[in-house]
Amino acid sequence: MKAAVLHEVGGVPRYEEFPDPVPADGEVVIDVLAAAVENVDKAVAAGTHYASAKYLGVLPMIPVFDGIGTLPDGTVVGFGNPRLPYGALAEKTVVPAGSYAPIPEGIDPAIATVMASAITALTMKTAAGLQPGETVLVQGATGVAGRLAIQVARLLGAGRIVATGRDDSQLAELDADAVVNTAVSDEELQQAYADAGGYDVVLDFLWGRPTEILLRALTPDEFAFGAPTRIIQTGESAGADLVVPASALRTSGVEIFGAARNLTPESMGESYQQVVEWTRSGALTFQIDRVPLSDIASAWQRTSSRGRRVVVQP
């Protein structure tokens, strides 16, 4: 079969022949229809992700660990957890029986690969309890997940949306009520956060420096009863660590939660169904670039997506 094959840590997958997967007992071969290439997949392949060692233990291997495909009986499913060295960037992969779920009718397989990012945005409701009329700050809003988060915030009834990013031209494309460019000095950024402030919920795909400075902006400079701000830690594209001064929590009203707060099989199912409904109705739209598997090398090395997810289709 044809596949995108990674031969070395930090390398670029190459389009070439790879042995067809042969299922063992309790496994099933899936014909791949579509797989999205995300930053986490590139980080794993580069050896910089905490899970890299697990996936790069045997080389060569095929990257990306979930996607959309068909079972032997033709059922279209979303799948995950393929048996290494098989991944989703191939014509076929092999997964444990049960490591898949049917895709609802009427959903384009390529779109289905991106729906998880919209489900992540629903942590504004599941983890932070967003209420209609509240103000949302999306940290890292020019990426795929951030742009979807703005749509989801609107659909959830947010009264005001503030978006951050590093590129003024991309910030201008967003359906936000105010924008903050984070590519400025610390002092300027702190003032910009304060000027656009009054945040009820922060969905944070950045972490690192921008969030440290946000915390400074949210910390009162005199004794006060700070208005509650619920920060949902979702990503770390600007850094894995930050310094949290005691005062940032003691008097600011800031509460920090992980995206998995209140996550249960039931809440996950409800979020998925909500995204399906919005997608079918056209209320939620996804920007994707469909790329043939044969073009994986150039697609893998793209440095700017302008909010579009690369979806590879064999």
C-alpha atoms as a PDB file:
ATOM      1  CA  MET A   1       0.000   0.000   0.000  1.00  0.00           C
ATOM      2  CA  LYS A   2       0.989   3.669  -0.281  1.00  0.00           C
ATOM      3  CA  ALA A   3       1.732   5.522   2.933  1.00  0.00           C
ATOM      4  CA  ALA A   4       3.477   8.558   4.423  1.00  0.00           C
ATOM      5  CA  VAL A   5       6.491   6.978   6.090  1.00  0.00           C
ATOM      6  CA  LEU A   6       8.667   8.610   8.753  1.00  0.00           C
ATOM      7  CA  HIS A   7      12.207   7.223   8.785  1.00  0.00           C
ATOM      8  CA  GLU A   8      13.862   9.376  11.445  1.00  0.00           C
ATOM      9  CA  VAL A   9      12.951  11.511  14.432  1.00  0.00           C
ATOM     10  CA  GLY A  10      12.376  15.061  13.226  1.00  0.00           C
ATOM     11  CA  GLY A  11      12.215  13.990   9.602  1.00  0.00           C
ATOM     12  CA  VAL A  12       9.570  14.590   6.959  1.00  0.00           C
ATOM     13  CA  PRO A  13       7.255  11.692   6.039  1.00  0.00           C
ATOM     14  CA  ARG A  14       7.847  10.328   2.544  1.00  0.00           C
ATOM     15  CA  TYR A  15       5.208   8.973   0.172  1.00  0.00           C
ATOM     16  CA  GLU A  16       6.240   5.401  -0.572  1.00  0.00           C
ATOM     17  CA  GLU A  17       5.284   1.755  -0.395  1.00  0.00           C
ATOM     18  CA  PHE A  18       4.746   0.170   3.026  1.00  0.00           C
ATOM     19  CA  PRO A  19       3.629  -3.374   3.879  1.00  0.00           C
ATOM     20  CA  ASP A  20      -0.121  -3.821   4.175  1.00  0.00           C
ATOM     21  CA  PRO A  21      -1.291  -4.319   7.772  1.00  0.00           C
ATOM     22  CA  VAL A  22      -2.267  -7.866   8.684  1.00  0.00           C
ATOM     23  CA  PRO A  23      -4.801  -8.000  11.534  1.00  0.00           C
ATOM     24  CA  ALA A  24      -4.104 -10.157  14.558  1.00  0.00           C
ATOM     25  CA  ASP A  25      -6.880 -11.629  16.691  1.00  0.00           C
ATOM     26  CA  GLY A  26      -9.029  -8.831  18.018  1.00  0.00           C
ATOM     27  CA  GLU A  27      -7.964  -6.342  15.353  1.00  0.00           C
ATOM     28  CA  VAL A  28      -9.572  -4.925  12.235  1.00  0.00           C
ATOM     29  CA  VAL A  29      -8.108  -3.370   9.099  1.00  0.00           C
ATOM     30  CA  ILE A  30      -9.552   0.009   8.146  1.00  0.00           C
ATOM     31  CA  ASP A  31      -9.475   1.632   4.704  1.00  0.00           C
ATOM     32  CA  VAL A  32      -8.536   5.236   5.436  1.00  0.00           C
ATOM     33  CA  LEU A  33     -10.692   7.988   3.949  1.00  0.00           C
ATOM     34  CA  ALA A  34      -9.211  11.062   5.638  1.00  0.00           C
ATOM     35  CA  ALA A  35      -6.783  12.108   8.366  1.00  0.00           C
ATOM     36  CA  ALA A  36      -6.021  15.599   9.662  1.00  0.00           C
ATOM     37  CA  VAL A  37      -2.426  16.686  10.250  1.00  0.00           C
ATOM     38  CA  GLU A  38      -2.267  18.699  13.466  1.00  0.00           C
ATOM     39  CA  ASN A  39       0.523  20.407  15.376  1.00  0.00           C
ATOM     40  CA  VAL A  40       0.529  17.603  17.930  1.00  0.00           C
ATOM     41  CA  ASP A  41       1.278  15.081  15.180  1.00  0.00           C
ATOM     42  CA  LYS A  42       4.274  17.133  14.048  1.00  0.00           C
ATOM     43  CA  ALA A  43       5.479  17.482  17.641  1.00  0.00           C
ATOM     44  CA  VAL A  44       5.309  13.722  18.144  1.00  0.00           C
ATOM     45  CA  ALA A  45       7.253  13.118  14.935  1.00  0.00           C
ATOM     46  CA  ALA A  46       9.820  15.748  15.937  1.00  0.00           C
ATOM     47  CA  GLY A  47      10.414  14.043  19.286  1.00  0.00           C
ATOM     48  CA  THR A  48       9.331  17.114  21.271  1.00  0.00           C
ATOM     49  CA  HIS A  49       5.987  15.824  22.588  1.00  0.00           C
ATOM     50  CA  TYR A  50       5.794  14.004  25.923  1.00  0.00           C
ATOM     51  CA  ALA A  51       4.348  10.968  24.115  1.00  0.00           C
ATOM     52  CA  SER A  52       7.011  10.897  21.385  1.00  0.00           C
ATOM     53  CA  ALA A  53       8.958   8.020  22.905  1.00  0.00           C
ATOM     54  CA  LYS A  54       5.915   5.761  22.747  1.00  0.00           C
ATOM     55  CA  TYR A  55       5.249   6.406  19.076  1.00  0.00           C
ATOM     56  CA  LEU A  56       8.814   6.640  17.796  1.00  0.00           C
ATOM     57  CA  GLY A  57      10.113   3.475  19.413  1.00  0.00           C
ATOM     58  CA  VAL A  58      10.020   1.640  16.090  1.00  0.00           C
ATOM     59  CA  LEU A  59      11.099   3.320  12.872  1.00  0.00           C
ATOM     60  CA  PRO A  60      10.100   3.552  10.104  1.00  0.00           C
ATOM     61  CA  MET A  61       6.515   4.317  11.088  1.00  0.00           C
ATOM     62  CA  ILE A  62       3.402   6.023   9.743  1.00  0.00           C
ATOM     63  CA  PRO A  63       2.351   9.202  11.628  1.00  0.00           C
ATOM     64  CA  VAL A  64      -1.051  10.444  12.834  1.00  0.00           C
ATOM     65  CA  PHE A  65      -3.062   8.337  15.220  1.00  0.00           C
ATOM     66  CA  ASP A  66      -6.698   8.938  14.375  1.00  0.00           C
ATOM     67  CA  GLY A  67      -8.808   9.495  11.310  1.00  0.00           C
ATOM     68  CA  ILE A  68     -11.871   8.484   9.352  1.00  0.00           C
ATOM     69  CA  GLY A  69     -12.179   5.258   7.374  1.00  0.00           C
ATOM     70  CA  THR A  70     -14.349   2.298   6.485  1.00  0.00           C
ATOM     71  CA  LEU A  71     -14.663  -1.095   8.132  1.00  0.00           C
ATOM     72  CA  PRO A  72     -14.619  -4.243   5.966  1.00  0.00           C
ATOM     73  CA  ASP A  73     -18.432  -4.068   5.817  1.00  0.00           C
ATOM     74  CA  GLY A  74     -18.308  -0.498   4.468  1.00  0.00           C
ATOM     75  CA  THR A  75     -19.372   1.291   7.667  1.00  0.00           C
ATOM     76  CA  VAL A  76     -17.783   4.741   7.914  1.00  0.00           C
ATOM     77  CA  VAL A  77     -16.122   5.211  11.296  1.00  0.00           C
ATOM     78  CA  GLY A  78     -13.827   7.483  13.204  1.00  0.00           C
ATOM     79  CA  PHE A  79     -10.901   5.447  14.483  1.00  0.00           C
ATOM     80  CA  GLY A  80      -7.992   5.819  16.871  1.00  0.00           C
ATOM     81  CA  ASN A  81      -5.156   3.917  18.518  1.00  0.00           C
ATOM     82  CA  PRO A  82      -3.739   2.140  15.456  1.00  0.00           C
ATOM     83  CA  ARG A  83      -1.178  -0.563  16.135  1.00  0.00           C
ATOM     84  CA  LEU A  84       2.332   0.760  15.622  1.00  0.00           C
ATOM     85  CA  PRO A  85       4.047   1.246  13.256  1.00  0.00           C
ATOM     86  CA  TYR A  86       0.769   1.829  11.402  1.00  0.00           C
ATOM     87  CA  GLY A  87      -0.796   5.280  11.565  1.00  0.00           C
ATOM     88  CA  ALA A  88      -3.548   7.093   9.708  1.00  0.00           C
ATOM     89  CA  LEU A  89      -1.484   8.591   6.859  1.00  0.00           C
ATOM     90  CA  ALA A  90      -1.831   5.530   4.671  1.00  0.00           C
ATOM     91  CA  GLU A  91      -4.298   3.742   2.457  1.00  0.00           C
ATOM     92  CA  LYS A  92      -4.941   1.242   5.261  1.00  0.00           C
ATOM     93  CA  THR A  93      -4.337   0.942   8.991  1.00  0.00           C
ATOM     94  CA  VAL A  94      -5.109  -1.583  11.726  1.00  0.00           C
ATOM     95  CA  VAL A  95      -6.765  -0.902  15.078  1.00  0.00           C
ATOM     96  CA  PRO A  96      -8.081  -2.940  18.018  1.00  0.00           C
ATOM     97  CA  ALA A  97     -11.677  -4.050  17.606  1.00  0.00           C
ATOM     98  CA  GLY A  98     -13.850  -1.381  19.188  1.00  0.00           C
ATOM     99  CA  SER A  99     -11.353   1.471  18.716  1.00  0.00           C
ATOM    100  CA  TYR A 100     -13.777   3.157  16.362  1.00  0.00           C
ATOM    101  CA  ALA A 101     -17.266   4.642  16.291  1.00  0.00           C
ATOM    102  CA  PRO A 102     -19.712   5.262  13.439  1.00  0.00           C
ATOM    103  CA  ILE A 103     -19.719   8.690  11.802  1.00  0.00           C
ATOM    104  CA  PRO A 104     -23.228  10.160  11.551  1.00  0.00           C
ATOM    105  CA  GLU A 105     -24.772  10.236   8.099  1.00  0.00           C
ATOM    106  CA  GLY A 106     -24.451  13.482   6.233  1.00  0.00           C
ATOM    107  CA  ILE A 107     -20.992  14.359   7.600  1.00  0.00           C
ATOM    108  CA  ASP A 108     -18.175  14.654   5.061  1.00  0.00           C
ATOM    109  CA  PRO A 109     -15.314  12.355   6.213  1.00  0.00           C
ATOM    110  CA  ALA A 110     -12.788  15.180   5.700  1.00  0.00           C
ATOM    111  CA  ILE A 111     -14.871  17.505   7.884  1.00  0.00           C
ATOM    112  CA  ALA A 112     -15.277  14.776  10.485  1.00  0.00           C
ATOM    113  CA  THR A 113     -11.512  14.769  11.039  1.00  0.00           C
ATOM    114  CA  VAL A 114     -11.671  18.368  12.302  1.00  0.00           C
ATOM    115  CA  MET A 115     -14.758  18.130  14.499  1.00  0.00           C
ATOM    116  CA  ALA A 116     -12.681  17.271  17.576  1.00  0.00           C
ATOM    117  CA  SER A 117     -11.340  20.847  17.605  1.00  0.00           C
ATOM    118  CA  ALA A 118     -14.882  22.174  17.874  1.00  0.00           C
ATOM    119  CA  ILE A 119     -15.593  19.726  20.685  1.00  0.00           C
ATOM    120  CA  THR A 120     -12.559  21.153  22.499  1.00  0.00           C
ATOM    121  CA  ALA A 121     -14.091  24.616  22.213  1.00  0.00           C
ATOM    122  CA  LEU A 122     -17.170  23.360  24.051  1.00  0.00           C
ATOM    123  CA  THR A 123     -15.034  23.154  27.209  1.00  0.00           C
ATOM    124  CA  MET A 124     -16.052  26.809  27.572  1.00  0.00           C
ATOM    125  CA  LYS A 125     -19.372  25.342  28.660  1.00  0.00           C
ATOM    126  CA  THR A 126     -18.453  21.955  30.142  1.00  0.00           C
ATOM    127  CA  ALA A 127     -15.386  23.085  32.100  1.00  0.00           C
ATOM    128  CA  ALA A 128     -16.060  26.793  32.653  1.00  0.00           C
ATOM    129  CA  GLY A 129     -19.845  26.931  32.690  1.00  0.00           C
ATOM    130  CA  LEU A 130     -20.112  29.721  30.103  1.00  0.00           C
ATOM    131  CA  GLN A 131     -23.442  31.510  30.324  1.00  0.00           C
ATOM    132  CA  PRO A 132     -25.183  33.508  27.585  1.00  0.00           C
ATOM    133  CA  GLY A 133     -24.098  37.126  27.582  1.00  0.00           C
ATOM    134  CA  GLU A 134     -20.693  36.517  29.165  1.00  0.00           C
ATOM    135  CA  THR A 135     -17.400  37.756  27.713  1.00  0.00           C
ATOM    136  CA  VAL A 136     -14.956  35.230  26.242  1.00  0.00           C
ATOM    137  CA  LEU A 137     -11.247  35.683  25.553  1.00  0.00           C
ATOM    138  CA  VAL A 138      -9.805  33.214  23.036  1.00  0.00           C
ATOM    139  CA  GLN A 139      -6.041  33.009  23.449  1.00  0.00           C
ATOM    140  CA  GLY A 140      -4.552  31.917  20.114  1.00  0.00           C
ATOM    141  CA  ALA A 141      -7.571  32.666  17.964  1.00  0.00           C
ATOM    142  CA  THR A 142      -5.975  32.720  14.502  1.00  0.00           C
ATOM    143  CA  GLY A 143      -5.323  28.964  14.369  1.00  0.00           C
ATOM    144  CA  VAL A 144      -7.811  26.306  13.337  1.00  0.00           C
ATOM    145  CA  ALA A 145      -8.988  25.546  16.867  1.00  0.00           C
ATOM    146  CA  GLY A 146      -9.116  29.217  17.823  1.00  0.00           C
ATOM    147  CA  ARG A 147     -11.267  30.189  14.846  1.00  0.00           C
ATOM    148  CA  LEU A 148     -13.645  27.354  15.621  1.00  0.00           C
ATOM    149  CA  ALA A 149     -13.730  28.497  19.248  1.00  0.00           C
ATOM    150  CA  ILE A 150     -14.964  31.925  18.175  1.00  0.00           C
ATOM    151  CA  GLN A 151     -17.797  30.299  16.229  1.00  0.00           C
ATOM    152  CA  VAL A 152     -18.663  28.046  19.161  1.00  0.00           C
ATOM    153  CA  ALA A 153     -18.622  30.974  21.594  1.00  0.00           C
ATOM    154  CA  ARG A 154     -21.127  32.789  19.365  1.00  0.00           C
ATOM    155  CA  LEU A 155     -23.327  29.713  19.152  1.00  0.00           C
ATOM    156  CA  LEU A 156     -23.229  29.354  22.942  1.00  0.00           C
ATOM    157  CA  GLY A 157     -24.472  32.929  23.293  1.00  0.00           C
ATOM    158  CA  ALA A 158     -21.330  34.789  24.328  1.00  0.00           C
ATOM    159  CA  GLY A 159     -22.091  38.486  24.605  1.00  0.00           C
ATOM    160  CA  ARG A 160     -18.593  39.667  23.682  1.00  0.00           C
ATOM    161  CA  ILE A 161     -15.548  37.910  22.214  1.00  0.00           C
ATOM    162  CA  VAL A 162     -11.945  39.076  22.433  1.00  0.00           C
ATOM    163  CA  ALA A 163      -9.363  37.282  20.282  1.00  0.00           C
ATOM    164  CA  THR A 164      -5.567  37.212  20.459  1.00  0.00           C
ATOM    165  CA  GLY A 165      -2.964  36.411  17.830  1.00  0.00           C
ATOM    166  CA  ARG A 166       0.377  37.547  16.401  1.00  0.00           C
ATOM    167  CA  ASP A 167      -0.684  38.637  12.915  1.00  0.00           C
ATOM    168  CA  ASP A 168      -2.808  41.752  12.414  1.00  0.00           C
ATOM    169  CA  SER A 169      -4.025  40.619   8.995  1.00  0.00           C
ATOM    170  CA  GLN A 170      -5.302  37.333  10.408  1.00  0.00           C
ATOM    171  CA  LEU A 171      -6.824  39.027  13.455  1.00  0.00           C
ATOM    172  CA  ALA A 172      -8.760  41.268  11.068  1.00  0.00           C
ATOM    173  CA  GLU A 173     -10.375  38.183   9.518  1.00  0.00           C
ATOM    174  CA  LEU A 174     -11.948  37.055  12.795  1.00  0.00           C
ATOM    175  CA  ASP A 175     -15.551  37.511  13.923  1.00  0.00           C
ATOM    176  CA  ALA A 176     -14.413  39.058  17.212  1.00  0.00           C
ATOM    177  CA  ASP A 177     -15.569  42.188  19.014  1.00  0.00           C
ATOM    178  CA  ALA A 178     -12.006  43.140  19.945  1.00  0.00           C
ATOM    179  CA  VAL A 179      -8.547  41.795  19.149  1.00  0.00           C
ATOM    180  CA  VAL A 180      -5.193  41.830  20.931  1.00  0.00           C
ATOM    181  CA  ASN A 181      -1.887  41.391  19.096  1.00  0.00           C
ATOM    182  CA  THR A 182       0.473  39.478  21.394  1.00  0.00           C
ATOM    183  CA  ALA A 183       3.577  40.298  19.293  1.00  0.00           C
ATOM    184  CA  VAL A 184       4.293  43.475  21.260  1.00  0.00           C
ATOM    185  CA  SER A 185       6.293  44.326  24.369  1.00  0.00           C
ATOM    186  CA  ASP A 186       5.228  42.930  27.738  1.00  0.00           C
ATOM    187  CA  GLU A 187       4.083  46.354  28.905  1.00  0.00           C
ATOM    188  CA  GLU A 188       2.041  46.996  25.765  1.00  0.00           C
ATOM    189  CA  LEU A 189       0.458  43.563  25.928  1.00  0.00           C
ATOM    190  CA  GLN A 190      -0.502  43.951  29.585  1.00  0.00           C
ATOM    191  CA  GLN A 191      -2.161  47.264  28.790  1.00  0.00           C
ATOM    192  CA  ALA A 192      -3.966  45.786  25.779  1.00  0.00           C
ATOM    193  CA  TYR A 193      -5.369  42.956  27.911  1.00  0.00           C
ATOM    194  CA  ALA A 194      -6.514  45.496  30.509  1.00  0.00           C
ATOM    195  CA  ASP A 195      -8.098  47.784  27.918  1.00  0.00           C
ATOM    196  CA  ALA A 196     -10.075  44.920  26.381  1.00  0.00           C
ATOM    197  CA  GLY A 197     -10.758  43.366  29.784  1.00  0.00           C
ATOM    198  CA  GLY A 198     -13.683  42.162  31.818  1.00  0.00           C
ATOM    199  CA  TYR A 199     -13.319  38.500  30.830  1.00  0.00           C
ATOM    200  CA  ASP A 200     -15.622  35.853  32.241  1.00  0.00           C
ATOM    201  CA  VAL A 201     -14.111  32.859  30.431  1.00  0.00           C
ATOM    202  CA  VAL A 202     -10.677  32.461  28.842  1.00  0.00           C
ATOM    203  CA  LEU A 203     -10.089  29.578  26.440  1.00  0.00           C
ATOM    204  CA  ASP A 204      -6.307  29.322  26.365  1.00  0.00           C
ATOM    205  CA  PHE A 205      -4.510  27.617  23.500  1.00  0.00           C
ATOM    206  CA  LEU A 206      -1.273  29.550  24.205  1.00  0.00           C
ATOM    207  CA  TRP A 207      -0.094  29.393  27.831  1.00  0.00           C
ATOM    208  CA  GLY A 208       3.497  30.570  28.365  1.00  0.00           C
ATOM    209  CA  ARG A 209       4.336  34.286  28.086  1.00  0.00           C
ATOM    210  CA  PRO A 210       0.936  35.621  26.900  1.00  0.00           C
ATOM    211  CA  THR A 211      -0.901  33.986  29.793  1.00  0.00           C
ATOM    212  CA  GLU A 212       1.661  35.188  32.342  1.00  0.00           C
ATOM    213  CA  ILE A 213       1.046  38.727  31.126  1.00  0.00           C
ATOM    214  CA  LEU A 214      -2.724  38.185  31.093  1.00  0.00           C
ATOM    215  CA  LEU A 215      -2.535  37.189  34.766  1.00  0.00           C
ATOM    216  CA  ARG A 216      -0.683  40.421  35.519  1.00  0.00           C
ATOM    217  CA  ALA A 217      -3.449  42.371  33.774  1.00  0.00           C
ATOM    218  CA  LEU A 218      -6.102  40.552  35.800  1.00  0.00           C
ATOM    219  CA  THR A 219      -4.390  41.188  39.156  1.00  0.00           C
ATOM    220  CA  PRO A 220      -5.698  44.347  40.875  1.00  0.00           C
ATOM    221  CA  ASP A 221      -3.112  46.853  42.075  1.00  0.00           C
ATOM    222  CA  GLU A 222      -5.051  47.497  45.281  1.00  0.00           C
ATOM    223  CA  PHE A 223      -7.225  45.460  47.602  1.00  0.00           C
ATOM    224  CA  ALA A 224     -10.403  44.640  45.739  1.00  0.00           C
ATOM    225  CA  PHE A 225     -12.929  41.915  45.197  1.00  0.00           C
ATOM    226  CA  GLY A 226     -11.881  40.736  41.754  1.00  0.00           C
ATOM    227  CA  ALA A 227     -14.513  39.648  39.271  1.00  0.00           C
ATOM    228  CA  PRO A 228     -14.268  35.889  38.621  1.00  0.00           C
ATOM    229  CA  THR A 229     -12.380  34.883  35.476  1.00  0.00           C
ATOM    230  CA  ARG A 230     -12.395  31.174  34.583  1.00  0.00           C
ATOM    231  CA  ILE A 231      -9.322  30.193  32.554  1.00  0.00           C
ATOM    232  CA  ILE A 232      -9.476  26.891  30.688  1.00  0.00           C
ATOM    233  CA  GLN A 233      -6.008  25.468  29.970  1.00  0.00           C
ATOM    234  CA  THR A 234      -6.327  23.846  26.553  1.00  0.00           C
ATOM    235  CA  GLY A 235      -3.024  24.192  24.694  1.00  0.00           C
ATOM    236  CA  GLU A 236       0.569  25.344  25.024  1.00  0.00           C
ATOM    237  CA  SER A 237       1.635  26.700  21.657  1.00  0.00           C
ATOM    238  CA  ALA A 238       3.409  29.657  23.319  1.00  0.00           C
ATOM    239  CA  GLY A 239       5.075  27.615  26.059  1.00  0.00           C
ATOM    240  CA  ALA A 240       4.540  24.690  28.383  1.00  0.00           C
ATOM    241  CA  ASP A 241       5.220  26.607  31.613  1.00  0.00           C
ATOM    242  CA  LEU A 242       4.366  29.871  33.267  1.00  0.00           C
ATOM    243  CA  VAL A 243       4.961  31.603  36.590  1.00  0.00           C
ATOM    244  CA  VAL A 244       1.810  32.212  38.645  1.00  0.00           C
ATOM    245  CA  PRO A 245       2.348  34.819  41.375  1.00  0.00           C
ATOM    246  CA  ALA A 246       0.357  34.198  44.538  1.00  0.00           C
ATOM    247  CA  SER A 247      -1.374  37.549  44.093  1.00  0.00           C
ATOM    248  CA  ALA A 248      -2.662  36.449  40.693  1.00  0.00           C
ATOM    249  CA  LEU A 249      -4.935  33.978  42.455  1.00  0.00           C
ATOM    250  CA  ARG A 250      -5.355  35.522  45.887  1.00  0.00           C
ATOM    251  CA  THR A 251      -7.150  38.727  44.922  1.00  0.00           C
ATOM    252  CA  SER A 252      -7.910  38.577  41.216  1.00  0.00           C
ATOM    253  CA  GLY A 253     -10.847  36.191  41.143  1.00  0.00           C
ATOM    254  CA  VAL A 254      -8.967  34.037  38.630  1.00  0.00           C
ATOM    255  CA  GLU A 255      -9.766  30.332  38.565  1.00  0.00           C
ATOM    256  CA  ILE A 256      -7.681  27.969  36.411  1.00  0.00           C
ATOM    257  CA  PHE A 257      -9.091  24.659  35.172  1.00  0.00           C
ATOM    258  CA  GLY A 258      -7.922  21.973  32.816  1.00  0.00           C
ATOM    259  CA  ALA A 259      -9.992  21.317  29.704  1.00  0.00           C
ATOM    260  CA  ALA A 260     -10.984  17.905  31.067  1.00  0.00           C
ATOM    261  CA  ARG A 261     -12.814  19.386  34.057  1.00  0.00           C
ATOM    262  CA  ASN A 262     -16.285  17.828  34.366  1.00  0.00           C
ATOM    263  CA  LEU A 263     -15.523  15.566  31.406  1.00  0.00           C
ATOM    264  CA  THR A 264     -17.516  12.324  31.469  1.00  0.00           C
ATOM    265  CA  PRO A 265     -18.599   9.893  28.756  1.00  0.00           C
ATOM    266  CA  GLU A 266     -22.024  11.530  28.934  1.00  0.00           C
ATOM    267  CA  SER A 267     -20.766  15.109  28.596  1.00  0.00           C
ATOM    268  CA  MET A 268     -18.398  14.061  25.805  1.00  0.00           C
ATOM    269  CA  GLY A 269     -21.305  12.450  23.953  1.00  0.00           C
ATOM    270  CA  GLU A 270     -23.461  15.541  24.413  1.00  0.00           C
ATOM    271  CA  SER A 271     -20.698  17.786  23.085  1.00  0.00           C
ATOM    272  CA  TYR A 272     -20.218  15.544  20.070  1.00  0.00           C
ATOM    273  CA  GLN A 273     -23.915  15.531  19.267  1.00  0.00           C
ATOM    274  CA  GLN A 274     -24.060  19.308  19.560  1.00  0.00           C
ATOM    275  CA  VAL A 275     -21.191  19.698  17.096  1.00  0.00           C
ATOM    276  CA  VAL A 276     -22.866  17.238  14.710  1.00  0.00           C
ATOM    277  CA  GLU A 277     -26.098  19.236  14.825  1.00  0.00           C
ATOM    278  CA  TRP A 278     -24.319  22.544  14.203  1.00  0.00           C
ATOM    279  CA  THR A 279     -22.320  20.998  11.354  1.00  0.00           C
ATOM    280  CA  ARG A 280     -25.345  19.486   9.627  1.00  0.00           C
ATOM    281  CA  SER A 281     -27.273  22.751   9.866  1.00  0.00           C
ATOM    282  CA  GLY A 282     -24.369  24.820   8.560  1.00  0.00           C
ATOM    283  CA  ALA A 283     -24.223  26.890  11.757  1.00  0.00           C
ATOM    284  CA  LEU A 284     -20.659  25.678  12.301  1.00  0.00           C
ATOM    285  CA  THR A 285     -18.271  25.744   9.349  1.00  0.00           C
ATOM    286  CA  PHE A 286     -14.810  24.240   8.958  1.00  0.00           C
ATOM    287  CA  GLN A 287     -11.960  25.549   6.827  1.00  0.00           C
ATOM    288  CA  ILE A 288      -9.857  22.701   5.453  1.00  0.00           C
ATOM    289  CA  ASP A 289      -7.305  22.092   2.729  1.00  0.00           C
ATOM    290  CA  ARG A 290      -7.754  18.696   1.116  1.00  0.00           C
ATOM    291  CA  VAL A 291      -4.386  17.208   0.199  1.00  0.00           C
ATOM    292  CA  PRO A 292      -3.705  13.910  -1.599  1.00  0.00           C
ATOM    293  CA  LEU A 293      -1.489  11.490   0.289  1.00  0.00           C
ATOM    294  CA  SER A 294       1.091  11.802  -2.492  1.00  0.00           C
ATOM    295  CA  ASP A 295       1.656  15.456  -1.488  1.00  0.00           C
ATOM    296  CA  ILE A 296       2.352  14.719   2.172  1.00  0.00           C
ATOM    297  CA  ALA A 297       5.950  16.007   2.175  1.00  0.00           C
ATOM    298  CA  SER A 298       5.004  19.533   1.105  1.00  0.00           C
ATOM    299  CA  ALA A 299       1.849  19.583   3.244  1.00  0.00           C
ATOM    300  CA  TRP A 300       3.792  18.448   6.335  1.00  0.00           C
ATOM    301  CA  GLN A 301       6.241  21.341   5.976  1.00  0.00           C
ATOM    302  CA  ARG A 302       3.684  24.133   5.691  1.00  0.00           C
ATOM    303  CA  THR A 303       4.472  26.894   8.151  1.00  0.00           C
ATOM    304  CA  SER A 304       1.267  28.926   7.862  1.00  0.00           C
ATOM    305  CA  SER A 305      -2.265  27.589   7.603  1.00  0.00           C
ATOM    306  CA  ARG A 306      -4.224  30.832   8.081  1.00  0.00           C
ATOM    307  CA  GLY A 307      -6.749  28.880  10.072  1.00  0.00           C
ATOM    308  CA  ARG A 308      -7.148  26.005   7.639  1.00  0.00           C
ATOM    309  CA  ARG A 309      -6.547  22.389   8.677  1.00  0.00           C
ATOM    310  CA  VAL A 310      -4.625  20.129   6.319  1.00  0.00           C
ATOM    311  CA  VAL A 311      -6.691  16.984   5.714  1.00  0.00           C
ATOM    312  CA  VAL A 312      -4.953  14.154   3.856  1.00  0.00           C
ATOM    313  CA  GLN A 313      -7.067  11.852   1.717  1.00  0.00           C
ATOM    314  CA  PRO A 314      -5.486   8.706   0.244  1.00  0.00           C
END
